[in-house]
Amino acid sequence: MTGMVASTGGISGGSMIACCSHFIINLLPIAGVSGLAVFLIEYQTSFFTIGIISNIIGIGLILRHKQKMKKGVC
């Protein structure tokens, strides 16, 4: 359970970085890292999709765990 939570949290965090990166992307070419800007723009939709899917899986796991706790089964 801990590994799954850590992985979904990591993916979600990466997706959040990709989401907020559109503000930074405008400054990256000035800083000399235009390759990173191209990468982030190219795969931004993929990051969003992976983040949404991992959040849905994480919510499902939390709800399942909550139901087990109500039944008294750990």
PDB file of N, CA and C in Angstrom:
ATOM      1  N   MET A   1       0.838  -1.194   0.000  1.00  0.00           N
ATOM      2  CA  MET A   1       0.000   0.000   0.000  1.00  0.00           C
ATOM      3  C   MET A   1       0.879   1.253   0.000  1.00  0.00           C
ATOM      4  N   THR A   2       1.939   1.254   0.798  1.00  0.00           N
ATOM      5  CA  THR A   2       2.803   2.432   0.896  1.00  0.00           C
ATOM      6  C   THR A   2       3.490   2.712  -0.437  1.00  0.00           C
ATOM      7  N   GLY A   3       3.924   1.645  -1.120  1.00  0.00           N
ATOM      8  CA  GLY A   3       4.571   1.823  -2.422  1.00  0.00           C
ATOM      9  C   GLY A   3       3.619   2.421  -3.447  1.00  0.00           C
ATOM     10  N   MET A   4       2.377   1.982  -3.434  1.00  0.00           N
ATOM     11  CA  MET A   4       1.385   2.488  -4.383  1.00  0.00           C
ATOM     12  C   MET A   4       1.101   3.961  -4.096  1.00  0.00           C
ATOM     13  N   VAL A   5       0.970   4.308  -2.831  1.00  0.00           N
ATOM     14  CA  VAL A   5       0.717   5.699  -2.463  1.00  0.00           C
ATOM     15  C   VAL A   5       1.900   6.579  -2.876  1.00  0.00           C
ATOM     16  N   ALA A   6       3.107   6.082  -2.653  1.00  0.00           N
ATOM     17  CA  ALA A   6       4.302   6.848  -3.017  1.00  0.00           C
ATOM     18  C   ALA A   6       4.399   7.038  -4.522  1.00  0.00           C
ATOM     19  N   SER A   7       4.088   5.977  -5.279  1.00  0.00           N
ATOM     20  CA  SER A   7       4.193   6.097  -6.737  1.00  0.00           C
ATOM     21  C   SER A   7       3.114   7.012  -7.303  1.00  0.00           C
ATOM     22  N   THR A   8       1.892   6.903  -6.819  1.00  0.00           N
ATOM     23  CA  THR A   8       0.847   7.789  -7.327  1.00  0.00           C
ATOM     24  C   THR A   8       1.116   9.233  -6.906  1.00  0.00           C
ATOM     25  N   GLY A   9       1.668   9.400  -5.711  1.00  0.00           N
ATOM     26  CA  GLY A   9       2.031  10.750  -5.263  1.00  0.00           C
ATOM     27  C   GLY A   9       3.143  11.332  -6.103  1.00  0.00           C
ATOM     28  N   GLY A  10       4.117  10.505  -6.455  1.00  0.00           N
ATOM     29  CA  GLY A  10       5.220  10.961  -7.302  1.00  0.00           C
ATOM     30  C   GLY A  10       4.750  11.343  -8.691  1.00  0.00           C
ATOM     31  N   ILE A  11       3.881  10.517  -9.251  1.00  0.00           N
ATOM     32  CA  ILE A  11       3.347  10.821 -10.578  1.00  0.00           C
ATOM     33  C   ILE A  11       2.486  12.072 -10.524  1.00  0.00           C
ATOM     34  N   SER A  12       1.680  12.180  -9.485  1.00  0.00           N
ATOM     35  CA  SER A  12       0.841  13.362  -9.330  1.00  0.00           C
ATOM     36  C   SER A  12       1.686  14.621  -9.166  1.00  0.00           C
ATOM     37  N   GLY A  13       2.760  14.510  -8.402  1.00  0.00           N
ATOM     38  CA  GLY A  13       3.660  15.656  -8.232  1.00  0.00           C
ATOM     39  C   GLY A  13       4.320  16.052  -9.541  1.00  0.00           C
ATOM     40  N   GLY A  14       4.742  15.049 -10.305  1.00  0.00           N
ATOM     41  CA  GLY A  14       5.327  15.330 -11.626  1.00  0.00           C
ATOM     42  C   GLY A  14       4.331  15.973 -12.564  1.00  0.00           C
ATOM     43  N   SER A  15       3.096  15.527 -12.486  1.00  0.00           N
ATOM     44  CA  SER A  15       2.045  16.127 -13.320  1.00  0.00           C
ATOM     45  C   SER A  15       1.781  17.568 -12.913  1.00  0.00           C
ATOM     46  N   MET A  16       1.839  17.836 -11.619  1.00  0.00           N
ATOM     47  CA  MET A  16       1.637  19.201 -11.146  1.00  0.00           C
ATOM     48  C   MET A  16       2.753  20.106 -11.629  1.00  0.00           C
ATOM     49  N   ILE A  17       3.975  19.596 -11.621  1.00  0.00           N
ATOM     50  CA  ILE A  17       5.097  20.378 -12.138  1.00  0.00           C
ATOM     51  C   ILE A  17       4.900  20.668 -13.614  1.00  0.00           C
ATOM     52  N   ALA A  18       4.463  19.639 -14.364  1.00  0.00           N
ATOM     53  CA  ALA A  18       4.210  19.836 -15.789  1.00  0.00           C
ATOM     54  C   ALA A  18       3.067  20.828 -16.011  1.00  0.00           C
ATOM     55  N   CYS A  19       2.068  20.780 -15.154  1.00  0.00           N
ATOM     56  CA  CYS A  19       0.927  21.688 -15.275  1.00  0.00           C
ATOM     57  C   CYS A  19       1.355  23.131 -15.064  1.00  0.00           C
ATOM     58  N   CYS A  20       2.123  23.358 -14.036  1.00  0.00           N
ATOM     59  CA  CYS A  20       2.539  24.718 -13.705  1.00  0.00           C
ATOM     60  C   CYS A  20       3.701  25.196 -14.565  1.00  0.00           C
ATOM     61  N   SER A  21       4.276  24.277 -15.319  1.00  0.00           N
ATOM     62  CA  SER A  21       5.450  24.629 -16.111  1.00  0.00           C
ATOM     63  C   SER A  21       5.129  25.583 -17.256  1.00  0.00           C
ATOM     64  N   HIS A  22       3.855  25.701 -17.627  1.00  0.00           N
ATOM     65  CA  HIS A  22       3.555  26.593 -18.746  1.00  0.00           C
ATOM     66  C   HIS A  22       3.910  28.042 -18.414  1.00  0.00           C
ATOM     67  N   PHE A  23       3.993  28.377 -17.138  1.00  0.00           N
ATOM     68  CA  PHE A  23       4.440  29.719 -16.765  1.00  0.00           C
ATOM     69  C   PHE A  23       5.950  29.861 -16.951  1.00  0.00           C
ATOM     70  N   ILE A  24       6.667  28.791 -16.657  1.00  0.00           N
ATOM     71  CA  ILE A  24       8.122  28.816 -16.726  1.00  0.00           C
ATOM     72  C   ILE A  24       8.621  28.622 -18.156  1.00  0.00           C
ATOM     73  N   ILE A  25       7.830  27.930 -18.972  1.00  0.00           N
ATOM     74  CA  ILE A  25       8.255  27.610 -20.344  1.00  0.00           C
ATOM     75  C   ILE A  25       8.612  28.867 -21.129  1.00  0.00           C
ATOM     76  N   ASN A  26       7.934  29.950 -20.870  1.00  0.00           N
ATOM     77  CA  ASN A  26       8.236  31.194 -21.586  1.00  0.00           C
ATOM     78  C   ASN A  26       9.619  31.739 -21.248  1.00  0.00           C
ATOM     79  N   LEU A  27      10.124  31.401 -20.059  1.00  0.00           N
ATOM     80  CA  LEU A  27      11.429  31.904 -19.629  1.00  0.00           C
ATOM     81  C   LEU A  27      12.584  30.950 -19.924  1.00  0.00           C
ATOM     82  N   LEU A  28      12.294  29.677 -20.177  1.00  0.00           N
ATOM     83  CA  LEU A  28      13.351  28.692 -20.372  1.00  0.00           C
ATOM     84  C   LEU A  28      14.286  29.009 -21.548  1.00  0.00           C
ATOM     85  N   PRO A  29      13.778  29.433 -22.704  1.00  0.00           N
ATOM     86  CA  PRO A  29      14.709  29.749 -23.793  1.00  0.00           C
ATOM     87  C   PRO A  29      15.676  30.883 -23.439  1.00  0.00           C
ATOM     88  N   ILE A  30      15.222  31.826 -22.652  1.00  0.00           N
ATOM     89  CA  ILE A  30      16.092  32.924 -22.223  1.00  0.00           C
ATOM     90  C   ILE A  30      17.201  32.374 -21.319  1.00  0.00           C
ATOM     91  N   ALA A  31      16.860  31.387 -20.502  1.00  0.00           N
ATOM     92  CA  ALA A  31      17.829  30.790 -19.586  1.00  0.00           C
ATOM     93  C   ALA A  31      18.752  29.800 -20.297  1.00  0.00           C
ATOM     94  N   GLY A  32      18.505  29.509 -21.560  1.00  0.00           N
ATOM     95  CA  GLY A  32      19.381  28.632 -22.323  1.00  0.00           C
ATOM     96  C   GLY A  32      19.022  27.162 -22.261  1.00  0.00           C
ATOM     97  N   VAL A  33      17.833  26.846 -21.813  1.00  0.00           N
ATOM     98  CA  VAL A  33      17.405  25.449 -21.747  1.00  0.00           C
ATOM     99  C   VAL A  33      16.153  25.239 -22.610  1.00  0.00           C
ATOM    100  N   SER A  34      16.257  25.622 -23.855  1.00  0.00           N
ATOM    101  CA  SER A  34      15.105  25.521 -24.757  1.00  0.00           C
ATOM    102  C   SER A  34      14.720  24.072 -25.017  1.00  0.00           C
ATOM    103  N   GLY A  35      15.671  23.136 -24.923  1.00  0.00           N
ATOM    104  CA  GLY A  35      15.345  21.721 -25.101  1.00  0.00           C
ATOM    105  C   GLY A  35      14.364  21.234 -24.052  1.00  0.00           C
ATOM    106  N   LEU A  36      14.530  21.700 -22.827  1.00  0.00           N
ATOM    107  CA  LEU A  36      13.609  21.336 -21.758  1.00  0.00           C
ATOM    108  C   LEU A  36      12.219  21.910 -22.028  1.00  0.00           C
ATOM    109  N   ALA A  37      12.164  23.119 -22.545  1.00  0.00           N
ATOM    110  CA  ALA A  37      10.877  23.738 -22.864  1.00  0.00           C
ATOM    111  C   ALA A  37      10.152  22.935 -23.936  1.00  0.00           C
ATOM    112  N   VAL A  38      10.879  22.494 -24.952  1.00  0.00           N
ATOM    113  CA  VAL A  38      10.272  21.701 -26.025  1.00  0.00           C
ATOM    114  C   VAL A  38       9.754  20.378 -25.464  1.00  0.00           C
ATOM    115  N   PHE A  39      10.537  19.742 -24.599  1.00  0.00           N
ATOM    116  CA  PHE A  39      10.121  18.483 -23.985  1.00  0.00           C
ATOM    117  C   PHE A  39       8.838  18.664 -23.174  1.00  0.00           C
ATOM    118  N   LEU A  40       8.786  19.687 -22.341  1.00  0.00           N
ATOM    119  CA  LEU A  40       7.614  19.908 -21.497  1.00  0.00           C
ATOM    120  C   LEU A  40       6.367  20.233 -22.313  1.00  0.00           C
ATOM    121  N   ILE A  41       6.537  21.019 -23.360  1.00  0.00           N
ATOM    122  CA  ILE A  41       5.397  21.352 -24.207  1.00  0.00           C
ATOM    123  C   ILE A  41       4.908  20.116 -24.950  1.00  0.00           C
ATOM    124  N   GLU A  42       5.842  19.314 -25.436  1.00  0.00           N
ATOM    125  CA  GLU A  42       5.501  18.139 -26.239  1.00  0.00           C
ATOM    126  C   GLU A  42       4.716  17.108 -25.431  1.00  0.00           C
ATOM    127  N   TYR A  43       5.104  16.903 -24.180  1.00  0.00           N
ATOM    128  CA  TYR A  43       4.511  15.834 -23.377  1.00  0.00           C
ATOM    129  C   TYR A  43       3.589  16.320 -22.271  1.00  0.00           C
ATOM    130  N   GLN A  44       3.175  17.565 -22.304  1.00  0.00           N
ATOM    131  CA  GLN A  44       2.336  18.116 -21.244  1.00  0.00           C
ATOM    132  C   GLN A  44       0.995  17.375 -21.142  1.00  0.00           C
ATOM    133  N   THR A  45       0.381  17.053 -22.270  1.00  0.00           N
ATOM    134  CA  THR A  45      -0.892  16.334 -22.255  1.00  0.00           C
ATOM    135  C   THR A  45      -0.717  14.942 -21.648  1.00  0.00           C
ATOM    136  N   SER A  46       0.396  14.297 -21.959  1.00  0.00           N
ATOM    137  CA  SER A  46       0.663  12.968 -21.387  1.00  0.00           C
ATOM    138  C   SER A  46       0.824  13.054 -19.874  1.00  0.00           C
ATOM    139  N   PHE A  47       1.519  14.076 -19.401  1.00  0.00           N
ATOM    140  CA  PHE A  47       1.675  14.254 -17.958  1.00  0.00           C
ATOM    141  C   PHE A  47       0.319  14.457 -17.286  1.00  0.00           C
ATOM    142  N   PHE A  48      -0.546  15.249 -17.916  1.00  0.00           N
ATOM    143  CA  PHE A  48      -1.879  15.470 -17.358  1.00  0.00           C
ATOM    144  C   PHE A  48      -2.653  14.156 -17.283  1.00  0.00           C
ATOM    145  N   THR A  49      -2.616  13.377 -18.362  1.00  0.00           N
ATOM    146  CA  THR A  49      -3.352  12.122 -18.414  1.00  0.00           C
ATOM    147  C   THR A  49      -2.863  11.151 -17.351  1.00  0.00           C
ATOM    148  N   ILE A  50      -1.558  10.995 -17.241  1.00  0.00           N
ATOM    149  CA  ILE A  50      -0.992  10.097 -16.232  1.00  0.00           C
ATOM    150  C   ILE A  50      -1.356  10.582 -14.832  1.00  0.00           C
ATOM    151  N   GLY A  51      -1.315  11.887 -14.609  1.00  0.00           N
ATOM    152  CA  GLY A  51      -1.668  12.438 -13.300  1.00  0.00           C
ATOM    153  C   GLY A  51      -3.113  12.189 -12.937  1.00  0.00           C
ATOM    154  N   ILE A  52      -4.010  12.360 -13.888  1.00  0.00           N
ATOM    155  CA  ILE A  52      -5.436  12.128 -13.627  1.00  0.00           C
ATOM    156  C   ILE A  52      -5.691  10.662 -13.323  1.00  0.00           C
ATOM    157  N   ILE A  53      -5.099   9.772 -14.113  1.00  0.00           N
ATOM    158  CA  ILE A  53      -5.284   8.337 -13.901  1.00  0.00           C
ATOM    159  C   ILE A  53      -4.721   7.921 -12.538  1.00  0.00           C
ATOM    160  N   SER A  54      -3.541   8.411 -12.192  1.00  0.00           N
ATOM    161  CA  SER A  54      -2.953   8.029 -10.904  1.00  0.00           C
ATOM    162  C   SER A  54      -3.774   8.574  -9.739  1.00  0.00           C
ATOM    163  N   ASN A  55      -4.364   9.740  -9.902  1.00  0.00           N
ATOM    164  CA  ASN A  55      -5.225  10.280  -8.842  1.00  0.00           C
ATOM    165  C   ASN A  55      -6.489   9.445  -8.682  1.00  0.00           C
ATOM    166  N   ILE A  56      -7.073   8.998  -9.786  1.00  0.00           N
ATOM    167  CA  ILE A  56      -8.266   8.145  -9.720  1.00  0.00           C
ATOM    168  C   ILE A  56      -7.938   6.838  -9.019  1.00  0.00           C
ATOM    169  N   ILE A  57      -6.789   6.240  -9.362  1.00  0.00           N
ATOM    170  CA  ILE A  57      -6.369   5.000  -8.708  1.00  0.00           C
ATOM    171  C   ILE A  57      -6.136   5.242  -7.211  1.00  0.00           C
ATOM    172  N   GLY A  58      -5.474   6.332  -6.868  1.00  0.00           N
ATOM    173  CA  GLY A  58      -5.225   6.650  -5.468  1.00  0.00           C
ATOM    174  C   GLY A  58      -6.503   6.868  -4.679  1.00  0.00           C
ATOM    175  N   ILE A  59      -7.464   7.550  -5.267  1.00  0.00           N
ATOM    176  CA  ILE A  59      -8.747   7.770  -4.593  1.00  0.00           C
ATOM    177  C   ILE A  59      -9.463   6.441  -4.383  1.00  0.00           C
ATOM    178  N   GLY A  60      -9.407   5.571  -5.387  1.00  0.00           N
ATOM    179  CA  GLY A  60     -10.012   4.240  -5.257  1.00  0.00           C
ATOM    180  C   GLY A  60      -9.384   3.441  -4.131  1.00  0.00           C
ATOM    181  N   LEU A  61      -8.058   3.492  -4.030  1.00  0.00           N
ATOM    182  CA  LEU A  61      -7.367   2.781  -2.956  1.00  0.00           C
ATOM    183  C   LEU A  61      -7.739   3.332  -1.587  1.00  0.00           C
ATOM    184  N   ILE A  62      -7.832   4.635  -1.488  1.00  0.00           N
ATOM    185  CA  ILE A  62      -8.195   5.251  -0.210  1.00  0.00           C
ATOM    186  C   ILE A  62      -9.620   4.873   0.188  1.00  0.00           C
ATOM    187  N   LEU A  63     -10.540   4.896  -0.776  1.00  0.00           N
ATOM    188  CA  LEU A  63     -11.929   4.529  -0.474  1.00  0.00           C
ATOM    189  C   LEU A  63     -12.033   3.068  -0.061  1.00  0.00           C
ATOM    190  N   ARG A  64     -11.288   2.184  -0.758  1.00  0.00           N
ATOM    191  CA  ARG A  64     -11.297   0.769  -0.403  1.00  0.00           C
ATOM    192  C   ARG A  64     -10.728   0.566   1.006  1.00  0.00           C
ATOM    193  N   HIS A  65      -9.660   1.267   1.318  1.00  0.00           N
ATOM    194  CA  HIS A  65      -9.063   1.163   2.656  1.00  0.00           C
ATOM    195  C   HIS A  65     -10.040   1.680   3.720  1.00  0.00           C
ATOM    196  N   LYS A  66     -10.735   2.755   3.404  1.00  0.00           N
ATOM    197  CA  LYS A  66     -11.707   3.324   4.351  1.00  0.00           C
ATOM    198  C   LYS A  66     -12.840   2.334   4.619  1.00  0.00           C
ATOM    199  N   GLN A  67     -13.297   1.644   3.563  1.00  0.00           N
ATOM    200  CA  GLN A  67     -14.362   0.657   3.750  1.00  0.00           C
ATOM    201  C   GLN A  67     -13.882  -0.506   4.615  1.00  0.00           C
ATOM    202  N   LYS A  68     -12.624  -0.939   4.421  1.00  0.00           N
ATOM    203  CA  LYS A  68     -12.082  -2.012   5.246  1.00  0.00           C
ATOM    204  C   LYS A  68     -11.992  -1.574   6.697  1.00  0.00           C
ATOM    205  N   MET A  69     -11.620  -0.333   6.933  1.00  0.00           N
ATOM    206  CA  MET A  69     -11.503   0.172   8.307  1.00  0.00           C
ATOM    207  C   MET A  69     -12.874   0.221   8.980  1.00  0.00           C
ATOM    208  N   LYS A  70     -13.933   0.557   8.227  1.00  0.00           N
ATOM    209  CA  LYS A  70     -15.285   0.592   8.804  1.00  0.00           C
ATOM    210  C   LYS A  70     -15.742  -0.813   9.201  1.00  0.00           C
ATOM    211  N   LYS A  71     -15.346  -1.829   8.405  1.00  0.00           N
ATOM    212  CA  LYS A  71     -15.728  -3.202   8.694  1.00  0.00           C
ATOM    213  C   LYS A  71     -14.870  -3.804   9.803  1.00  0.00           C
ATOM    214  N   GLY A  72     -13.767  -3.153  10.126  1.00  0.00           N
ATOM    215  CA  GLY A  72     -12.879  -3.654  11.162  1.00  0.00           C
ATOM    216  C   GLY A  72     -11.848  -4.637  10.640  1.00  0.00           C
ATOM    217  N   VAL A  73     -11.709  -4.719   9.323  1.00  0.00           N
ATOM    218  CA  VAL A  73     -10.717  -5.621   8.716  1.00  0.00           C
ATOM    219  C   VAL A  73      -9.540  -4.794   8.265  1.00  0.00           C
ATOM    220  N   CYS A  74      -8.344  -5.109   8.751  1.00  0.00           N
ATOM    221  CA  CYS A  74      -7.160  -4.357   8.353  1.00  0.00           C
ATOM    222  C   CYS A  74      -6.257  -5.164   7.499  1.00  0.00           C
TER     223      CYS A  74
END
